[in-house]
Amino acid sequence: MTDQDRDTKVAERATDNDVRGPDMRHGPGPELMGASTLIGDHVRNKQDEELGDIKEIMLDTRTGEVSYAVLSFGGFLGMGDKLFAVPWEALTLDTEHKGFLLDVDRARLKDAPGFDKSKWPDMSDPSWVKRVRSYYGSGTSSDRA
């Protein structure tokens, strides 16, 4: 999805007040955003290398917090790509480029704990949570497991 397509999608949502809720054309801003406006956003690293795009945003229904963004990386046209659960706090919103920054080298991401889109891990498993958060330097967050 191009930036122009994403902007069009957001504008269409913003003008559809009867179905989508409040008028979003003038807010809410980068501090509070709908998850659907972030899905498809590109993720880059500090070396300005493309790392992939956001496929899903995972919420912890017990705490109401965003736990992970599911990042699609590799492959071509959706074929052969690998998915990674990236702790939300490891991502930085990049409003200038309408995407996210992830402070990880592209080669290191290839070795990150990932999964196939047809076989998702149990993201509530404490050992999985610890392994993923440790990989990205996000701590263990045992209160989320």
N, C-alpha and C. Protein backbone atom coordinates (compact mmCIF):
# COMPACT_ATOMS: atom_id res chain seq x y z
N MET A 1 0.84 -1.17 0.00
CA MET A 1 0.00 0.00 0.00
C MET A 1 0.89 1.23 0.00
N THR A 2 0.63 2.14 -0.92
CA THR A 2 1.43 3.36 -1.01
C THR A 2 0.94 4.37 0.02
N ASP A 3 1.77 5.39 0.27
CA ASP A 3 1.38 6.45 1.19
C ASP A 3 0.11 7.14 0.70
N GLN A 4 0.01 7.34 -0.61
CA GLN A 4 -1.18 8.00 -1.17
C GLN A 4 -2.43 7.13 -0.95
N ASP A 5 -2.30 5.81 -1.14
CA ASP A 5 -3.44 4.91 -0.89
C ASP A 5 -3.86 4.97 0.57
N ARG A 6 -2.87 4.97 1.47
CA ARG A 6 -3.16 5.01 2.90
C ARG A 6 -3.83 6.32 3.27
N ASP A 7 -3.34 7.45 2.71
CA ASP A 7 -3.96 8.75 2.99
C ASP A 7 -5.39 8.78 2.48
N THR A 8 -5.64 8.19 1.31
CA THR A 8 -6.99 8.13 0.77
C THR A 8 -7.88 7.29 1.67
N LYS A 9 -7.35 6.15 2.15
CA LYS A 9 -8.11 5.28 3.04
C LYS A 9 -8.49 6.01 4.32
N VAL A 10 -7.55 6.74 4.89
CA VAL A 10 -7.82 7.50 6.11
C VAL A 10 -8.84 8.60 5.85
N ALA A 11 -8.71 9.30 4.72
CA ALA A 11 -9.64 10.37 4.38
C ALA A 11 -11.05 9.82 4.18
N GLU A 12 -11.17 8.64 3.54
CA GLU A 12 -12.48 8.03 3.35
C GLU A 12 -13.11 7.70 4.69
N ARG A 13 -12.31 7.17 5.61
CA ARG A 13 -12.82 6.87 6.94
C ARG A 13 -13.26 8.14 7.65
N ALA A 14 -12.46 9.19 7.48
CA ALA A 14 -12.73 10.44 8.18
C ALA A 14 -14.03 11.08 7.73
N THR A 15 -14.43 10.87 6.47
CA THR A 15 -15.64 11.51 5.97
C THR A 15 -16.87 10.64 6.17
N ASP A 16 -16.72 9.43 6.63
CA ASP A 16 -17.82 8.50 6.81
C ASP A 16 -18.27 8.50 8.27
N ASN A 17 -18.69 9.65 8.78
CA ASN A 17 -19.04 9.81 10.19
C ASN A 17 -20.22 8.96 10.62
N ASP A 18 -21.18 8.72 9.74
CA ASP A 18 -22.36 7.97 10.12
C ASP A 18 -22.01 6.54 10.51
N VAL A 19 -21.00 5.96 9.85
CA VAL A 19 -20.63 4.57 10.09
C VAL A 19 -19.43 4.46 11.02
N ARG A 20 -18.45 5.32 10.89
CA ARG A 20 -17.17 5.20 11.59
C ARG A 20 -17.09 5.94 12.92
N GLY A 21 -18.02 6.79 13.25
CA GLY A 21 -17.95 7.49 14.51
C GLY A 21 -17.57 8.94 14.32
N PRO A 22 -16.82 9.51 15.26
CA PRO A 22 -16.54 10.94 15.23
C PRO A 22 -15.68 11.38 14.05
N ASP A 23 -15.79 12.66 13.73
CA ASP A 23 -15.02 13.26 12.64
C ASP A 23 -13.53 13.20 12.98
N MET A 24 -12.75 12.49 12.15
CA MET A 24 -11.32 12.28 12.42
C MET A 24 -10.44 13.16 11.54
N ARG A 25 -11.03 14.06 10.73
CA ARG A 25 -10.22 14.86 9.82
C ARG A 25 -9.27 15.80 10.54
N HIS A 26 -9.60 16.22 11.74
CA HIS A 26 -8.77 17.19 12.45
C HIS A 26 -8.19 16.61 13.73
N GLY A 27 -8.15 15.35 13.86
CA GLY A 27 -7.64 14.72 15.07
C GLY A 27 -7.72 13.24 14.89
N PRO A 28 -7.44 12.48 15.80
CA PRO A 28 -6.96 12.81 17.12
C PRO A 28 -5.48 13.06 17.17
N GLY A 29 -4.76 12.81 16.08
CA GLY A 29 -3.34 13.11 16.05
C GLY A 29 -2.49 11.90 16.35
N PRO A 30 -1.18 12.09 16.38
CA PRO A 30 -0.28 10.95 16.56
C PRO A 30 -0.30 10.35 17.97
N GLU A 31 -0.87 11.05 18.94
CA GLU A 31 -0.90 10.51 20.30
C GLU A 31 -1.99 9.46 20.48
N LEU A 32 -3.03 9.52 19.66
CA LEU A 32 -4.15 8.59 19.76
C LEU A 32 -4.63 8.30 18.34
N MET A 33 -4.44 7.05 17.92
CA MET A 33 -4.78 6.70 16.53
C MET A 33 -5.54 5.38 16.50
N GLY A 34 -6.38 5.23 15.51
CA GLY A 34 -7.07 3.97 15.30
C GLY A 34 -6.11 2.92 14.77
N ALA A 35 -6.23 1.70 15.26
CA ALA A 35 -5.33 0.62 14.83
C ALA A 35 -5.42 0.41 13.32
N SER A 36 -6.62 0.56 12.76
CA SER A 36 -6.78 0.31 11.33
C SER A 36 -5.99 1.30 10.48
N THR A 37 -5.70 2.49 11.01
CA THR A 37 -4.91 3.45 10.25
C THR A 37 -3.43 3.10 10.27
N LEU A 38 -3.01 2.24 11.20
CA LEU A 38 -1.60 1.87 11.32
C LEU A 38 -1.26 0.57 10.58
N ILE A 39 -2.26 -0.28 10.38
CA ILE A 39 -2.02 -1.53 9.67
C ILE A 39 -1.65 -1.22 8.23
N GLY A 40 -0.57 -1.80 7.78
CA GLY A 40 -0.05 -1.53 6.44
C GLY A 40 1.07 -0.51 6.44
N ASP A 41 1.28 0.16 7.59
CA ASP A 41 2.36 1.13 7.66
C ASP A 41 3.71 0.43 7.51
N HIS A 42 4.62 1.11 6.85
CA HIS A 42 5.96 0.58 6.65
C HIS A 42 6.79 0.73 7.92
N VAL A 43 7.73 -0.19 8.09
CA VAL A 43 8.68 -0.14 9.20
C VAL A 43 10.07 -0.06 8.62
N ARG A 44 10.83 0.90 9.08
CA ARG A 44 12.21 1.10 8.63
C ARG A 44 13.11 1.10 9.85
N ASN A 45 14.40 0.93 9.62
CA ASN A 45 15.34 1.04 10.73
C ASN A 45 16.06 2.39 10.64
N LYS A 46 16.97 2.63 11.58
CA LYS A 46 17.68 3.92 11.62
C LYS A 46 18.64 4.10 10.45
N GLN A 47 18.96 3.01 9.74
CA GLN A 47 19.79 3.09 8.55
C GLN A 47 18.93 3.35 7.31
N ASP A 48 17.63 3.60 7.52
CA ASP A 48 16.65 3.87 6.47
C ASP A 48 16.44 2.67 5.55
N GLU A 49 16.62 1.47 6.10
CA GLU A 49 16.35 0.25 5.34
C GLU A 49 14.91 -0.19 5.61
N GLU A 50 14.22 -0.60 4.57
CA GLU A 50 12.86 -1.10 4.70
C GLU A 50 12.90 -2.46 5.40
N LEU A 51 12.12 -2.60 6.49
CA LEU A 51 12.08 -3.86 7.22
C LEU A 51 10.79 -4.63 6.98
N GLY A 52 9.78 -3.98 6.50
CA GLY A 52 8.50 -4.66 6.27
C GLY A 52 7.35 -3.73 6.56
N ASP A 53 6.19 -4.35 6.84
CA ASP A 53 5.03 -3.52 7.17
C ASP A 53 4.19 -4.19 8.25
N ILE A 54 3.39 -3.38 8.90
CA ILE A 54 2.55 -3.85 10.01
C ILE A 54 1.36 -4.62 9.44
N LYS A 55 1.23 -5.88 9.86
CA LYS A 55 0.12 -6.72 9.41
C LYS A 55 -1.01 -6.77 10.44
N GLU A 56 -0.66 -6.62 11.71
CA GLU A 56 -1.65 -6.75 12.77
C GLU A 56 -1.15 -6.04 14.01
N ILE A 57 -2.07 -5.63 14.85
CA ILE A 57 -1.73 -5.03 16.13
C ILE A 57 -2.43 -5.87 17.20
N MET A 58 -1.64 -6.38 18.13
CA MET A 58 -2.15 -7.31 19.13
C MET A 58 -2.39 -6.60 20.46
N LEU A 59 -3.62 -6.69 20.96
CA LEU A 59 -4.00 -6.07 22.22
C LEU A 59 -4.05 -7.10 23.33
N ASP A 60 -3.58 -6.73 24.50
CA ASP A 60 -3.73 -7.56 25.69
C ASP A 60 -5.10 -7.22 26.26
N THR A 61 -6.04 -8.13 26.12
CA THR A 61 -7.41 -7.84 26.54
C THR A 61 -7.57 -7.75 28.05
N ARG A 62 -6.58 -8.27 28.79
CA ARG A 62 -6.64 -8.16 30.26
C ARG A 62 -6.26 -6.78 30.74
N THR A 63 -5.27 -6.16 30.07
CA THR A 63 -4.76 -4.86 30.52
C THR A 63 -5.23 -3.71 29.64
N GLY A 64 -5.67 -4.02 28.43
CA GLY A 64 -6.06 -2.98 27.49
C GLY A 64 -4.90 -2.34 26.77
N GLU A 65 -3.70 -2.86 26.96
CA GLU A 65 -2.51 -2.31 26.34
C GLU A 65 -2.20 -2.99 25.01
N VAL A 66 -1.53 -2.24 24.13
CA VAL A 66 -1.03 -2.83 22.90
C VAL A 66 0.22 -3.62 23.28
N SER A 67 0.26 -4.89 22.94
CA SER A 67 1.41 -5.73 23.28
C SER A 67 2.42 -5.82 22.14
N TYR A 68 1.93 -6.12 20.94
CA TYR A 68 2.82 -6.37 19.82
C TYR A 68 2.26 -5.77 18.54
N ALA A 69 3.16 -5.47 17.63
CA ALA A 69 2.81 -5.24 16.24
C ALA A 69 3.35 -6.45 15.50
N VAL A 70 2.56 -7.02 14.63
CA VAL A 70 3.03 -8.14 13.82
C VAL A 70 3.59 -7.56 12.53
N LEU A 71 4.87 -7.78 12.35
CA LEU A 71 5.62 -7.25 11.22
C LEU A 71 5.83 -8.33 10.18
N SER A 72 5.53 -8.02 8.92
CA SER A 72 5.79 -8.93 7.81
C SER A 72 7.12 -8.51 7.19
N PHE A 73 8.01 -9.49 7.00
CA PHE A 73 9.36 -9.20 6.52
C PHE A 73 9.79 -10.27 5.54
N GLY A 74 10.44 -9.85 4.48
CA GLY A 74 10.97 -10.80 3.50
C GLY A 74 9.92 -11.21 2.49
N GLY A 75 10.26 -12.15 1.68
CA GLY A 75 9.32 -12.63 0.67
C GLY A 75 9.13 -11.62 -0.45
N PHE A 76 8.21 -11.96 -1.34
CA PHE A 76 7.91 -11.11 -2.48
C PHE A 76 6.41 -11.19 -2.75
N LEU A 77 5.75 -10.04 -2.76
CA LEU A 77 4.31 -9.94 -2.99
C LEU A 77 3.52 -10.85 -2.04
N GLY A 78 3.96 -10.87 -0.79
CA GLY A 78 3.25 -11.66 0.22
C GLY A 78 3.58 -13.13 0.23
N MET A 79 4.44 -13.59 -0.67
CA MET A 79 4.81 -15.00 -0.73
C MET A 79 6.15 -15.18 -0.05
N GLY A 80 6.22 -16.13 0.86
CA GLY A 80 7.48 -16.45 1.53
C GLY A 80 7.87 -15.48 2.61
N ASP A 81 6.99 -14.53 2.95
CA ASP A 81 7.35 -13.60 4.01
C ASP A 81 7.20 -14.28 5.36
N LYS A 82 7.93 -13.78 6.31
CA LYS A 82 7.92 -14.28 7.67
C LYS A 82 7.30 -13.21 8.56
N LEU A 83 6.58 -13.63 9.59
CA LEU A 83 5.97 -12.69 10.51
C LEU A 83 6.76 -12.66 11.81
N PHE A 84 6.80 -11.47 12.42
CA PHE A 84 7.50 -11.26 13.68
C PHE A 84 6.60 -10.46 14.60
N ALA A 85 6.51 -10.88 15.84
CA ALA A 85 5.81 -10.09 16.85
C ALA A 85 6.85 -9.17 17.46
N VAL A 86 6.69 -7.89 17.22
CA VAL A 86 7.63 -6.89 17.75
C VAL A 86 6.95 -6.19 18.92
N PRO A 87 7.57 -6.19 20.08
CA PRO A 87 6.97 -5.48 21.21
C PRO A 87 6.65 -4.03 20.83
N TRP A 88 5.46 -3.59 21.18
CA TRP A 88 5.00 -2.26 20.79
C TRP A 88 5.99 -1.18 21.20
N GLU A 89 6.58 -1.32 22.39
CA GLU A 89 7.49 -0.28 22.88
C GLU A 89 8.82 -0.25 22.11
N ALA A 90 9.08 -1.27 21.28
CA ALA A 90 10.30 -1.27 20.46
C ALA A 90 10.12 -0.43 19.19
N LEU A 91 8.89 -0.04 18.89
CA LEU A 91 8.59 0.76 17.70
C LEU A 91 8.44 2.23 18.06
N THR A 92 8.87 3.09 17.17
CA THR A 92 8.71 4.53 17.33
C THR A 92 7.93 5.04 16.13
N LEU A 93 6.84 5.75 16.39
CA LEU A 93 6.04 6.31 15.31
C LEU A 93 6.85 7.38 14.59
N ASP A 94 6.90 7.29 13.27
CA ASP A 94 7.60 8.25 12.43
C ASP A 94 6.55 8.99 11.61
N THR A 95 6.03 10.10 12.16
CA THR A 95 4.94 10.83 11.50
C THR A 95 5.40 11.47 10.20
N GLU A 96 6.66 11.83 10.11
CA GLU A 96 7.17 12.46 8.89
C GLU A 96 7.07 11.52 7.69
N HIS A 97 7.37 10.24 7.92
CA HIS A 97 7.36 9.26 6.83
C HIS A 97 6.14 8.34 6.89
N LYS A 98 5.22 8.65 7.79
CA LYS A 98 3.98 7.88 7.93
C LYS A 98 4.25 6.39 8.09
N GLY A 99 5.05 6.06 9.08
CA GLY A 99 5.39 4.68 9.36
C GLY A 99 6.00 4.57 10.74
N PHE A 100 6.83 3.55 10.92
CA PHE A 100 7.47 3.29 12.20
C PHE A 100 8.96 3.08 12.01
N LEU A 101 9.71 3.36 13.07
CA LEU A 101 11.13 3.05 13.15
C LEU A 101 11.31 1.91 14.13
N LEU A 102 12.17 0.97 13.79
CA LEU A 102 12.54 -0.13 14.66
C LEU A 102 14.06 -0.16 14.68
N ASP A 103 14.64 -0.01 15.86
CA ASP A 103 16.09 0.06 15.99
C ASP A 103 16.68 -1.35 16.00
N VAL A 104 16.67 -1.96 14.83
CA VAL A 104 17.25 -3.29 14.66
C VAL A 104 17.84 -3.37 13.26
N ASP A 105 19.01 -3.94 13.17
CA ASP A 105 19.66 -4.13 11.89
C ASP A 105 18.88 -5.16 11.06
N ARG A 106 18.82 -4.94 9.78
CA ARG A 106 18.07 -5.83 8.87
C ARG A 106 18.54 -7.28 9.00
N ALA A 107 19.85 -7.49 9.09
CA ALA A 107 20.39 -8.85 9.22
C ALA A 107 19.97 -9.48 10.54
N ARG A 108 19.92 -8.67 11.60
CA ARG A 108 19.49 -9.19 12.91
C ARG A 108 18.01 -9.57 12.89
N LEU A 109 17.20 -8.82 12.17
CA LEU A 109 15.78 -9.14 12.09
C LEU A 109 15.56 -10.51 11.46
N LYS A 110 16.39 -10.86 10.51
CA LYS A 110 16.26 -12.17 9.86
C LYS A 110 16.37 -13.31 10.86
N ASP A 111 17.12 -13.09 11.96
CA ASP A 111 17.32 -14.13 12.98
C ASP A 111 16.37 -13.99 14.16
N ALA A 112 15.47 -13.02 14.12
CA ALA A 112 14.53 -12.80 15.23
C ALA A 112 13.54 -13.96 15.30
N PRO A 113 12.98 -14.19 16.50
CA PRO A 113 11.96 -15.23 16.62
C PRO A 113 10.75 -14.85 15.77
N GLY A 114 10.47 -15.64 14.77
CA GLY A 114 9.37 -15.35 13.86
C GLY A 114 8.47 -16.55 13.72
N PHE A 115 7.48 -16.41 12.85
CA PHE A 115 6.52 -17.48 12.64
C PHE A 115 5.89 -17.36 11.26
N ASP A 116 5.30 -18.45 10.83
CA ASP A 116 4.64 -18.50 9.53
C ASP A 116 3.22 -17.97 9.69
N LYS A 117 2.69 -17.31 8.64
CA LYS A 117 1.36 -16.71 8.75
C LYS A 117 0.26 -17.73 8.94
N SER A 118 0.53 -19.01 8.66
CA SER A 118 -0.48 -20.05 8.86
C SER A 118 -0.33 -20.75 10.22
N LYS A 119 0.71 -20.40 10.99
CA LYS A 119 0.93 -21.07 12.28
C LYS A 119 1.46 -20.06 13.30
N TRP A 120 0.54 -19.36 13.94
CA TRP A 120 0.90 -18.34 14.91
C TRP A 120 1.26 -19.00 16.24
N PRO A 121 2.20 -18.43 16.97
CA PRO A 121 2.56 -18.96 18.29
C PRO A 121 1.52 -18.56 19.34
N ASP A 122 1.60 -19.18 20.49
CA ASP A 122 0.77 -18.79 21.63
C ASP A 122 1.45 -17.57 22.26
N MET A 123 0.97 -16.38 21.92
CA MET A 123 1.60 -15.14 22.37
C MET A 123 1.39 -14.86 23.85
N SER A 124 0.61 -15.69 24.52
CA SER A 124 0.44 -15.52 25.96
C SER A 124 1.34 -16.48 26.75
N ASP A 125 2.07 -17.34 26.06
CA ASP A 125 2.98 -18.27 26.71
C ASP A 125 4.14 -17.49 27.31
N PRO A 126 4.34 -17.56 28.64
CA PRO A 126 5.39 -16.76 29.30
C PRO A 126 6.79 -16.96 28.72
N SER A 127 7.14 -18.18 28.31
CA SER A 127 8.48 -18.39 27.76
C SER A 127 8.62 -17.72 26.40
N TRP A 128 7.56 -17.74 25.60
CA TRP A 128 7.58 -17.05 24.31
C TRP A 128 7.70 -15.54 24.52
N VAL A 129 6.91 -15.00 25.44
CA VAL A 129 6.93 -13.57 25.75
C VAL A 129 8.34 -13.15 26.16
N LYS A 130 8.96 -13.92 27.06
CA LYS A 130 10.30 -13.59 27.54
C LYS A 130 11.32 -13.62 26.41
N ARG A 131 11.23 -14.62 25.55
CA ARG A 131 12.19 -14.76 24.44
C ARG A 131 12.07 -13.58 23.47
N VAL A 132 10.86 -13.21 23.10
CA VAL A 132 10.65 -12.13 22.14
C VAL A 132 11.08 -10.79 22.75
N ARG A 133 10.63 -10.52 23.96
CA ARG A 133 10.97 -9.24 24.60
C ARG A 133 12.47 -9.13 24.85
N SER A 134 13.10 -10.22 25.20
CA SER A 134 14.55 -10.22 25.40
C SER A 134 15.28 -9.93 24.10
N TYR A 135 14.80 -10.50 23.00
CA TYR A 135 15.45 -10.30 21.70
C TYR A 135 15.46 -8.83 21.30
N TYR A 136 14.36 -8.15 21.57
CA TYR A 136 14.26 -6.74 21.18
C TYR A 136 14.69 -5.80 22.31
N GLY A 137 15.17 -6.35 23.43
CA GLY A 137 15.62 -5.51 24.53
C GLY A 137 14.49 -4.80 25.25
N SER A 138 13.32 -5.42 25.27
CA SER A 138 12.15 -4.80 25.89
C SER A 138 11.88 -5.31 27.28
N GLY A 139 12.80 -6.08 27.85
CA GLY A 139 12.57 -6.64 29.18
C GLY A 139 11.67 -7.85 29.10
N THR A 140 11.38 -8.41 30.25
CA THR A 140 10.56 -9.61 30.27
C THR A 140 9.09 -9.31 30.43
N SER A 141 8.74 -8.19 31.01
CA SER A 141 7.34 -7.80 31.21
C SER A 141 6.52 -8.99 31.70
N SER A 142 6.92 -9.57 32.82
CA SER A 142 6.23 -10.73 33.34
C SER A 142 4.78 -10.44 33.68
N ASP A 143 4.45 -9.16 33.88
CA ASP A 143 3.06 -8.83 34.17
C ASP A 143 2.18 -8.98 32.94
N ARG A 144 2.76 -9.13 31.77
CA ARG A 144 1.97 -9.30 30.55
C ARG A 144 1.76 -10.76 30.20
N ALA A 145 2.50 -11.63 30.80
CA ALA A 145 2.41 -13.05 30.44
C ALA A 145 1.22 -13.70 31.08
